Amino acid sequence: MSSYKNTNTTYPIQTFDVPKFLKEHPFLSGLLKKDGNLFQCDGDAPSPSKDYGQLQINSNTVVLRWWKITLRNIEGSIYPGEIKNSYEDFYHDEIAQREISRIFGQKTLDYCLHLVCGQIDWLSRLPLNIQIKICSFVNLDDIPRLSLVSKLFRSICRHNDLWKILYMYQHGRHALENKNLIQLAEKRGWRHVFFTNRLKLQIELRREAQLEHYHPEDPSDLVKARERRHKLQPSPPVSAREQPSVRRHSIAIRKGSPLPDRSGSAKTDIVHRSDSPLLSARSFDSRSMNSTPLLRSPTNH
C-alpha cells in the first residue's frame, strides 16, 4: 500500500494553478488543447481484474471513472463509479490514487502527481519544427537513446528534416549545392545519406547521374555493357515440353490410329489396308475357294 502514498520528500504540498500560470505565460497557453485537457487515458486493469477505467485531467480538475466487470451478478458492486477532485484534493485523496495505481499502474500515478504539481511536459506539446530544432542540438550518440523515450520522440529522431540538419552540421551548407545529392536524399532519405560511406555515396551519385542522362536512342556505356553481357550468356537448354511444335506432334500421334504390324503376312496387310467392300468380298471368295476341296463326280464301275 505504500506505493501509492505521498510523502513530503517526494512530492511538494503546493499544487499547480493552471489558469494563473497561463495568464503569466500567454505563449504557453497556445500549446494546450482548446478543450483544456492536459492528460487523458483509458484502459483495462491487469488480470485477474477485468475492470475498465478512464482518467481525465483538465486545467483545474481530475476526473476518474471506473466500471466493475464481474462474471457473477453481485448486487451493489456492478455500478460504475466516478471521482472528481481539484488538484489539491486529488493530491491528498488516497482512494483515487489507489484506483489509478490499480488500473493504470504506478507510472501513470506518478505522472498525474507531477502534472498537478506543475511539472508539465511542454516539449511534447511544441510544434514539430521546434521539436526538430531542439533535437538537432543533441549529441549524435544520444539520439538512439532519445528515440527510446516514447513514440513521439522516436518519430522525431527518425524525421527526414532532422537528419538533413545533422548532415549540414557535419558537411556544411555547400553540400546542398549538389543536385544529384539532393535527388538521392529525396529518394533514399537524409538518414541513409548521412550513414553512407563517402566512397559508396560517390558511386551511388555517379550511378544516379548516368541514369539521369540515359536516353533510349543513345544508351550509355553502362547500358551497352549490360546488354553485351546479357547476349554473351548461354541460353538454357529447352526441353521438349517447352516446345509447342513437339507437343502438338506428340498429341497427334497419340490420337491417330496405331501403325500396322509388319510381322504378319502379305495377305493380312492387304486385308488391313483394303477399305472397299468389293475388294473385301473378292478376297473372301478367293479364300473360301482355296479352303474347300473340289467334289468329283462318282464313277460307275
Protein backbone atom coordinates (compact mmCIF):
# COMPACT_ATOMS: atom_id res chain seq x y z
CA MET A 1 0.00 0.00 0.00
CA SER A 2 2.95 2.33 0.37
CA SER A 3 3.46 2.51 -3.41
CA TYR A 4 0.61 4.98 -3.97
CA LYS A 5 1.01 7.09 -0.80
CA ASN A 6 2.63 10.50 -0.96
CA THR A 7 5.43 11.83 1.19
CA ASN A 8 6.63 15.38 1.58
CA THR A 9 10.08 14.49 0.29
CA THR A 10 8.78 13.00 -2.97
CA TYR A 11 6.08 15.48 -3.98
CA PRO A 12 5.62 19.10 -2.87
CA ILE A 13 2.48 20.06 -1.00
CA GLN A 14 1.72 23.13 -3.12
CA THR A 15 -0.31 22.26 -6.20
CA PHE A 16 -0.33 23.94 -9.58
CA ASP A 17 -2.69 26.79 -10.56
CA VAL A 18 -3.03 26.39 -14.32
CA PRO A 19 -5.20 29.49 -15.12
CA LYS A 20 -2.85 31.78 -13.21
CA PHE A 21 0.21 30.27 -14.89
CA LEU A 22 -1.30 30.66 -18.38
CA LYS A 23 -2.05 34.33 -17.72
CA GLU A 24 1.57 34.90 -16.81
CA HIS A 25 2.80 32.95 -19.87
CA PRO A 26 0.42 33.63 -22.78
CA PHE A 27 2.69 31.86 -25.29
CA LEU A 28 2.31 28.52 -23.48
CA SER A 29 -1.47 28.84 -23.44
CA GLY A 30 -1.47 28.27 -27.20
CA LEU A 31 0.25 24.91 -26.74
CA LEU A 32 -2.64 23.44 -24.79
CA LYS A 33 -5.71 21.94 -26.41
CA LYS A 34 -8.82 24.01 -26.86
CA ASP A 35 -10.84 21.73 -24.58
CA GLY A 36 -8.27 22.23 -21.80
CA ASN A 37 -7.29 18.56 -21.41
CA LEU A 38 -3.77 18.07 -20.11
CA PHE A 39 -3.90 14.28 -19.96
CA GLN A 40 -6.43 11.60 -20.88
CA CYS A 41 -6.21 7.80 -20.94
CA ASP A 42 -8.40 4.74 -20.61
CA GLY A 43 -7.81 1.01 -20.37
CA ASP A 44 -8.42 -2.26 -18.58
CA ALA A 45 -6.97 -3.26 -15.26
CA PRO A 46 -4.38 -6.06 -15.26
CA SER A 47 -5.57 -9.61 -14.67
CA PRO A 48 -7.22 -11.17 -12.78
CA SER A 49 -9.32 -7.99 -12.58
CA LYS A 50 -11.38 -7.01 -15.63
CA ASP A 51 -12.35 -3.50 -14.52
CA TYR A 52 -12.33 -0.68 -17.05
CA GLY A 53 -11.16 2.82 -16.13
CA GLN A 54 -11.00 6.30 -17.64
CA LEU A 55 -8.78 9.13 -16.40
CA GLN A 56 -9.02 12.76 -17.47
CA ILE A 57 -7.07 15.77 -16.16
CA ASN A 58 -8.33 19.23 -17.10
CA SER A 59 -6.92 22.63 -16.28
CA ASN A 60 -8.42 22.56 -12.77
CA THR A 61 -9.98 19.12 -12.07
CA VAL A 62 -9.07 15.43 -12.08
CA VAL A 63 -11.85 13.05 -13.15
CA LEU A 64 -11.60 9.29 -12.61
CA ARG A 65 -14.31 6.87 -13.78
CA TRP A 66 -14.33 3.08 -13.48
CA TRP A 67 -16.67 0.22 -14.35
CA LYS A 68 -16.69 -3.01 -12.37
CA ILE A 69 -16.83 -6.08 -14.62
CA THR A 70 -17.64 -9.37 -12.87
CA LEU A 71 -18.86 -12.76 -14.01
CA ARG A 72 -21.32 -13.00 -11.11
CA ASN A 73 -24.36 -10.83 -10.54
CA ILE A 74 -23.43 -9.22 -7.23
CA GLU A 75 -25.91 -6.58 -6.10
CA GLY A 76 -24.35 -3.19 -5.40
CA SER A 77 -20.89 -3.83 -6.82
CA ILE A 78 -21.57 -3.65 -10.56
CA TYR A 79 -22.44 0.04 -10.73
CA PRO A 80 -19.84 2.43 -12.22
CA GLY A 81 -18.07 4.94 -10.01
CA GLU A 82 -16.68 8.45 -10.50
CA ILE A 83 -14.34 10.69 -8.53
CA LYS A 84 -13.99 14.36 -9.44
CA ASN A 85 -11.49 16.37 -7.41
CA SER A 86 -9.49 19.56 -7.66
CA TYR A 87 -5.71 19.40 -7.84
CA GLU A 88 -5.27 19.87 -4.11
CA ASP A 89 -7.99 17.36 -3.17
CA PHE A 90 -6.62 14.78 -5.58
CA TYR A 91 -3.16 15.20 -4.12
CA HIS A 92 -4.44 14.09 -0.69
CA ASP A 93 -7.09 11.59 -1.89
CA GLU A 94 -5.68 8.12 -1.27
CA ILE A 95 -8.74 6.32 -2.66
CA ALA A 96 -8.42 7.94 -6.09
CA GLN A 97 -4.68 7.34 -6.11
CA ARG A 98 -5.17 3.69 -5.18
CA GLU A 99 -7.67 3.18 -8.02
CA ILE A 100 -5.33 4.83 -10.55
CA SER A 101 -2.46 2.66 -9.38
CA ARG A 102 -4.62 -0.48 -9.56
CA ILE A 103 -6.00 0.15 -13.05
CA PHE A 104 -3.28 2.12 -14.87
CA GLY A 105 -0.14 1.38 -12.86
CA GLN A 106 2.30 3.27 -10.66
CA LYS A 107 3.97 5.15 -13.54
CA THR A 108 0.66 6.72 -14.57
CA LEU A 109 0.02 7.75 -10.97
CA ASP A 110 3.45 9.37 -10.72
CA TYR A 111 2.84 11.25 -13.96
CA CYS A 112 -0.51 12.56 -12.70
CA LEU A 113 1.02 13.71 -9.41
CA HIS A 114 3.79 15.52 -11.28
CA LEU A 115 1.18 17.10 -13.53
CA VAL A 116 -0.96 18.52 -10.71
CA CYS A 117 2.23 19.92 -9.12
CA GLY A 118 3.10 21.94 -12.25
CA GLN A 119 5.62 19.67 -13.98
CA ILE A 120 4.05 19.67 -17.45
CA ASP A 121 5.87 18.12 -20.40
CA TRP A 122 5.90 21.16 -22.66
CA LEU A 123 8.37 19.59 -25.10
CA SER A 124 5.83 17.10 -26.41
CA ARG A 125 3.30 19.93 -26.93
CA LEU A 126 5.58 22.14 -29.04
CA PRO A 127 5.21 22.35 -32.85
CA LEU A 128 7.09 19.76 -34.87
CA ASN A 129 9.61 22.18 -36.40
CA ILE A 130 10.62 23.44 -32.94
CA GLN A 131 10.96 19.87 -31.65
CA ILE A 132 13.25 19.00 -34.57
CA LYS A 133 15.33 22.14 -33.97
CA ILE A 134 15.77 21.26 -30.29
CA CYS A 135 16.70 17.64 -31.05
CA SER A 136 19.28 18.80 -33.60
CA PHE A 137 21.44 20.14 -30.74
CA VAL A 138 21.53 16.73 -29.08
CA ASN A 139 24.72 14.72 -29.40
CA LEU A 140 24.64 12.16 -32.18
CA ASP A 141 25.36 9.30 -29.78
CA ASP A 142 22.36 10.26 -27.62
CA ILE A 143 19.78 10.25 -30.43
CA PRO A 144 19.22 6.44 -30.29
CA ARG A 145 18.64 6.74 -26.53
CA LEU A 146 16.26 9.65 -27.03
CA SER A 147 14.21 7.59 -29.50
CA LEU A 148 13.51 5.04 -26.74
CA VAL A 149 11.63 7.56 -24.56
CA SER A 150 8.28 7.43 -26.36
CA LYS A 151 6.68 7.03 -29.77
CA LEU A 152 6.73 10.81 -30.23
CA PHE A 153 10.49 11.06 -29.73
CA ARG A 154 11.01 8.01 -31.92
CA SER A 155 9.18 9.69 -34.80
CA ILE A 156 11.16 12.91 -34.23
CA CYS A 157 14.50 11.09 -34.17
CA ARG A 158 13.66 9.41 -37.49
CA HIS A 159 12.34 12.53 -39.18
CA ASN A 160 13.93 13.40 -42.52
CA ASP A 161 14.37 17.10 -41.66
CA LEU A 162 16.36 16.27 -38.52
CA TRP A 163 18.93 14.22 -40.47
CA LYS A 164 19.14 16.94 -43.09
CA ILE A 165 20.16 19.42 -40.39
CA LEU A 166 22.67 16.95 -38.93
CA TYR A 167 24.17 16.39 -42.39
CA MET A 168 24.60 20.14 -42.85
CA TYR A 169 26.26 20.40 -39.43
CA GLN A 170 28.78 17.73 -40.39
CA HIS A 171 29.49 18.55 -44.06
CA GLY A 172 28.50 22.22 -44.32
CA ARG A 173 25.79 24.01 -46.27
CA HIS A 174 27.77 23.81 -49.51
CA ALA A 175 26.83 20.09 -49.66
CA LEU A 176 23.28 21.11 -50.60
CA GLU A 177 24.55 22.65 -53.84
CA ASN A 178 24.96 19.17 -55.34
CA LYS A 179 21.74 18.44 -57.22
CA ASN A 180 22.47 14.73 -57.51
CA LEU A 181 22.90 14.53 -53.74
CA ILE A 182 19.55 16.21 -53.17
CA GLN A 183 17.82 13.85 -55.61
CA LEU A 184 19.38 10.86 -53.90
CA ALA A 185 18.30 12.18 -50.49
CA GLU A 186 14.74 12.69 -51.72
CA LYS A 187 14.68 9.12 -52.98
CA ARG A 188 16.52 7.33 -50.15
CA GLY A 189 16.22 9.80 -47.28
CA TRP A 190 18.76 12.00 -45.49
CA ARG A 191 19.32 9.36 -42.81
CA HIS A 192 20.57 6.93 -45.46
CA VAL A 193 22.81 9.61 -46.96
CA PHE A 194 24.19 10.53 -43.53
CA PHE A 195 25.28 7.00 -42.61
CA THR A 196 26.51 6.02 -46.09
CA ASN A 197 30.26 5.80 -46.63
CA ARG A 198 31.82 8.59 -48.71
CA LEU A 199 33.12 6.21 -51.38
CA LYS A 200 29.84 4.33 -51.60
CA LEU A 201 27.97 7.63 -51.74
CA GLN A 202 30.08 8.79 -54.70
CA ILE A 203 29.32 5.53 -56.52
CA GLU A 204 25.59 5.99 -55.94
CA LEU A 205 25.75 9.62 -57.09
CA ARG A 206 27.61 8.61 -60.27
CA ARG A 207 25.04 5.91 -60.94
CA GLU A 208 22.15 8.32 -60.46
CA ALA A 209 23.83 10.80 -62.82
CA GLN A 210 24.22 8.12 -65.50
CA LEU A 211 20.60 7.10 -65.20
CA GLU A 212 19.57 10.75 -65.45
CA HIS A 213 21.42 11.29 -68.77
CA TYR A 214 20.33 7.95 -70.24
CA HIS A 215 18.16 8.05 -73.39
CA PRO A 216 16.74 5.03 -75.21
CA GLU A 217 18.04 6.32 -78.59
CA ASP A 218 21.59 6.81 -77.28
CA PRO A 219 22.26 4.39 -74.42
CA SER A 220 25.20 4.95 -72.14
CA ASP A 221 28.28 2.74 -71.87
CA LEU A 222 26.90 1.11 -68.75
CA VAL A 223 23.72 0.03 -70.52
CA LYS A 224 25.66 -1.17 -73.57
CA ALA A 225 27.95 -3.28 -71.41
CA ARG A 226 24.94 -4.75 -69.63
CA GLU A 227 23.28 -5.68 -72.94
CA ARG A 228 26.54 -7.16 -74.29
CA ARG A 229 26.94 -9.26 -71.16
CA HIS A 230 23.36 -10.47 -71.49
CA LYS A 231 23.94 -11.56 -75.10
CA LEU A 232 27.11 -13.47 -74.26
CA GLN A 233 25.38 -15.54 -71.61
CA PRO A 234 24.48 -19.04 -72.90
CA SER A 235 20.81 -19.72 -73.28
CA PRO A 236 19.43 -22.52 -71.11
CA PRO A 237 18.51 -25.81 -72.83
CA VAL A 238 14.93 -26.06 -73.98
CA SER A 239 13.09 -29.22 -73.04
CA ALA A 240 10.59 -30.98 -75.27
CA ARG A 241 7.76 -29.93 -73.02
CA GLU A 242 8.53 -26.24 -73.62
CA GLN A 243 8.46 -26.62 -77.46
CA PRO A 244 4.88 -26.23 -78.73
CA SER A 245 5.53 -27.94 -82.11
CA VAL A 246 6.87 -31.10 -80.47
CA ARG A 247 3.99 -31.18 -78.06
CA ARG A 248 1.39 -30.85 -80.84
CA HIS A 249 3.09 -33.57 -82.86
CA SER A 250 3.15 -35.95 -79.91
CA ILE A 251 -0.53 -35.34 -79.22
CA ALA A 252 -1.41 -36.02 -82.87
CA ILE A 253 0.46 -39.32 -82.77
CA ARG A 254 -1.40 -40.39 -79.63
CA LYS A 255 -4.82 -39.55 -81.13
CA GLY A 256 -4.16 -41.28 -84.51
CA SER A 257 -4.70 -44.94 -85.36
CA PRO A 258 -1.96 -47.41 -84.42
CA LEU A 259 0.55 -48.44 -87.09
CA PRO A 260 0.08 -51.86 -88.69
CA ASP A 261 2.21 -54.77 -87.60
CA ARG A 262 4.84 -55.65 -90.23
CA SER A 263 5.50 -59.08 -88.75
CA GLY A 264 2.37 -60.58 -90.35
CA SER A 265 1.93 -61.98 -93.88
CA ALA A 266 1.19 -60.06 -97.05
CA LYS A 267 -2.43 -61.19 -97.06
CA THR A 268 -3.11 -59.74 -93.66
CA ASP A 269 -1.53 -56.48 -94.83
CA ILE A 270 -3.85 -56.38 -97.80
CA VAL A 271 -6.85 -57.07 -95.58
CA HIS A 272 -5.95 -54.31 -93.18
CA ARG A 273 -5.31 -51.80 -95.96
CA SER A 274 -8.37 -52.57 -98.04
CA ASP A 275 -11.25 -50.23 -97.36
CA SER A 276 -13.52 -51.06 -100.36
CA PRO A 277 -16.34 -53.58 -99.71
CA LEU A 278 -15.88 -55.06 -103.22
CA LEU A 279 -12.25 -55.92 -102.62
CA SER A 280 -13.10 -57.44 -99.28
CA ALA A 281 -15.78 -59.62 -100.87
CA ARG A 282 -13.45 -60.86 -103.62
CA SER A 283 -10.77 -61.67 -101.11
CA PHE A 284 -13.32 -63.58 -99.04
CA ASP A 285 -14.40 -65.66 -102.10
CA SER A 286 -10.84 -66.48 -103.05
CA ARG A 287 -10.11 -67.66 -99.54
CA SER A 288 -13.22 -69.80 -99.43
CA MET A 289 -12.43 -71.45 -102.79
CA ASN A 290 -8.93 -72.28 -101.76
CA SER A 291 -10.01 -73.70 -98.46
CA THR A 292 -12.85 -76.06 -99.74
CA PRO A 293 -11.80 -79.22 -101.73
CA LEU A 294 -13.24 -79.90 -105.25
CA LEU A 295 -16.03 -82.53 -105.40
CA ARG A 296 -15.54 -85.16 -108.11
CA SER A 297 -18.46 -86.92 -109.82
CA PRO A 298 -18.90 -90.57 -108.87
CA THR A 299 -17.78 -93.10 -111.49
CA ASN A 300 -19.63 -96.28 -112.34
CA HIS A 301 -17.55 -99.36 -112.02
